[in-house]
Amino acid sequence: MSNVPANLKYTASHEWMLLNADGTVTVGITDHAQEALGDLVFVELPEVGAHFAAEKEIAVVESVKAAADVYAPLAGTVSEVNQAAVDAPESVNQDAYAAWLFKITPDNAADLDKMLDAAAYQGLADAA
């Protein structure tokens, strides 16, 4: 069973989100996603300052099994990337919620309210 923290929001494409006090949203892949991918060997992150529409490919994680796109959960501008995840992709396997991938300043923070809560995401992950 995957770890699904109650304080986060989720997408059906297995990204997690945390709203920060400064209005940015921290994004990573879920524990379920990292388990399904297996041992990560490569992480490619977006450039700071780049703007993405919601649900567009924004990053790539590659494991020994496959490469997977990470999607922008919200429309917005990338404000920070986690270089530590690039330097040590295995950190995502070790703790998917500590090894965030990027922060985004959303065009509309209210869009976060439309995302899945932990119970809804757990149901989705259990059905997969």
Protein backbone atom coordinates (compact mmCIF):
# COMPACT_ATOMS: atom_id res chain seq x y z
CA MET A 1 0.00 0.00 0.00
CA SER A 2 1.32 3.41 -0.98
CA ASN A 3 1.77 6.31 1.39
CA VAL A 4 -0.82 9.07 0.71
CA PRO A 5 -0.35 12.05 3.09
CA ALA A 6 -3.64 13.72 4.01
CA ASN A 7 -2.26 17.27 3.79
CA LEU A 8 -1.54 17.13 0.05
CA LYS A 9 -3.60 17.39 -3.13
CA TYR A 10 -3.23 14.94 -6.02
CA THR A 11 -3.83 14.49 -9.72
CA ALA A 12 -5.10 11.40 -11.48
CA SER A 13 -1.74 11.36 -13.30
CA HIS A 14 0.03 10.77 -9.94
CA GLU A 15 1.48 14.17 -9.07
CA TRP A 16 1.21 15.49 -5.52
CA MET A 17 0.93 19.18 -4.63
CA LEU A 18 1.50 21.24 -1.50
CA LEU A 19 0.36 24.86 -1.28
CA ASN A 20 3.12 26.94 0.34
CA ALA A 21 2.64 30.06 2.44
CA ASP A 22 4.16 32.22 -0.34
CA GLY A 23 1.48 31.08 -2.81
CA THR A 24 3.72 28.70 -4.74
CA VAL A 25 2.81 25.04 -5.10
CA THR A 26 5.42 22.32 -4.56
CA VAL A 27 4.99 19.37 -6.94
CA GLY A 28 6.37 15.84 -7.00
CA ILE A 29 5.33 12.35 -8.03
CA THR A 30 3.42 10.17 -5.61
CA ASP A 31 4.71 7.19 -3.70
CA HIS A 32 2.41 5.03 -5.83
CA ALA A 33 4.02 6.41 -9.02
CA GLN A 34 7.58 5.85 -7.84
CA GLU A 35 6.68 2.29 -6.78
CA ALA A 36 5.16 1.58 -10.20
CA LEU A 37 8.17 3.01 -12.04
CA GLY A 38 10.81 1.22 -9.99
CA ASP A 39 14.35 2.48 -9.46
CA LEU A 40 14.65 5.98 -10.90
CA VAL A 41 17.84 6.69 -12.82
CA PHE A 42 17.14 10.09 -14.44
CA VAL A 43 15.10 13.19 -13.71
CA GLU A 44 14.66 16.09 -16.18
CA LEU A 45 13.10 19.24 -14.79
CA PRO A 46 11.71 22.40 -16.43
CA GLU A 47 13.53 25.73 -16.55
CA VAL A 48 12.76 28.30 -13.88
CA GLY A 49 10.60 31.03 -15.39
CA ALA A 50 8.95 28.77 -17.96
CA HIS A 51 5.16 28.93 -18.13
CA PHE A 52 3.06 25.79 -18.62
CA ALA A 53 -0.60 25.15 -19.21
CA ALA A 54 -2.33 22.69 -16.91
CA GLU A 55 -1.89 19.03 -17.83
CA LYS A 56 1.04 19.73 -20.19
CA GLU A 57 4.27 17.74 -19.98
CA ILE A 58 6.62 19.61 -17.68
CA ALA A 59 9.23 17.05 -16.55
CA VAL A 60 10.43 13.51 -17.18
CA VAL A 61 11.35 10.75 -14.75
CA GLU A 62 13.07 7.66 -16.08
CA SER A 63 13.50 4.37 -14.32
CA VAL A 64 15.11 1.08 -15.16
CA LYS A 65 11.65 0.05 -16.48
CA ALA A 66 10.40 3.09 -18.40
CA ALA A 67 10.35 6.84 -18.84
CA ALA A 68 7.30 8.75 -17.67
CA ASP A 69 6.14 12.30 -18.23
CA VAL A 70 5.24 14.48 -15.29
CA TYR A 71 2.40 16.90 -16.02
CA ALA A 72 1.85 20.43 -14.79
CA PRO A 73 -1.03 20.03 -12.35
CA LEU A 74 -1.92 23.71 -12.63
CA ALA A 75 -1.29 26.42 -15.19
CA GLY A 76 1.54 28.61 -13.98
CA THR A 77 5.18 29.62 -13.99
CA VAL A 78 7.99 27.46 -12.63
CA SER A 79 9.54 29.30 -9.70
CA GLU A 80 12.08 26.73 -8.47
CA VAL A 81 13.39 23.27 -9.34
CA ASN A 82 14.91 20.67 -7.02
CA GLN A 83 18.41 20.12 -8.36
CA ALA A 84 18.98 17.51 -5.64
CA ALA A 85 16.40 15.25 -7.35
CA VAL A 86 18.31 15.61 -10.64
CA ASP A 87 21.63 14.84 -8.94
CA ALA A 88 20.20 11.86 -7.02
CA PRO A 89 17.08 10.47 -8.76
CA GLU A 90 17.00 7.61 -6.25
CA SER A 91 15.96 10.16 -3.60
CA VAL A 92 12.46 10.09 -5.14
CA ASN A 93 12.31 6.34 -4.50
CA GLN A 94 13.51 6.82 -0.94
CA ASP A 95 10.88 9.45 -0.04
CA ALA A 96 8.62 10.67 -2.85
CA TYR A 97 7.18 13.43 -0.67
CA ALA A 98 10.53 14.85 0.47
CA ALA A 99 12.11 14.69 -3.00
CA TRP A 100 9.88 17.28 -4.67
CA LEU A 101 10.55 18.11 -8.31
CA PHE A 102 9.56 21.75 -8.88
CA LYS A 103 7.57 24.67 -7.51
CA ILE A 104 5.06 26.51 -9.64
CA THR A 105 3.36 29.86 -9.14
CA PRO A 106 -0.19 29.09 -10.27
CA ASP A 107 -2.10 31.42 -12.56
CA ASN A 108 -5.13 30.72 -10.39
CA ALA A 109 -4.51 29.22 -6.93
CA ALA A 110 -8.20 28.31 -6.66
CA ASP A 111 -7.54 25.58 -9.26
CA LEU A 112 -5.86 23.64 -6.45
CA ASP A 113 -9.30 23.17 -4.88
CA LYS A 114 -10.31 21.09 -7.92
CA MET A 115 -7.61 18.48 -7.29
CA LEU A 116 -8.09 15.11 -5.60
CA ASP A 117 -7.86 14.88 -1.84
CA ALA A 118 -5.98 12.01 -0.18
CA ALA A 119 -9.02 9.72 0.11
CA ALA A 120 -9.95 10.16 -3.55
CA TYR A 121 -6.37 9.60 -4.68
CA GLN A 122 -6.01 6.52 -2.45
CA GLY A 123 -9.10 5.07 -4.11
CA LEU A 124 -7.65 5.75 -7.53
CA ALA A 125 -4.29 4.22 -6.62
CA ASP A 126 -5.93 1.15 -5.09
CA ALA A 127 -7.95 0.59 -8.27
CA ALA A 128 -4.85 0.77 -10.49
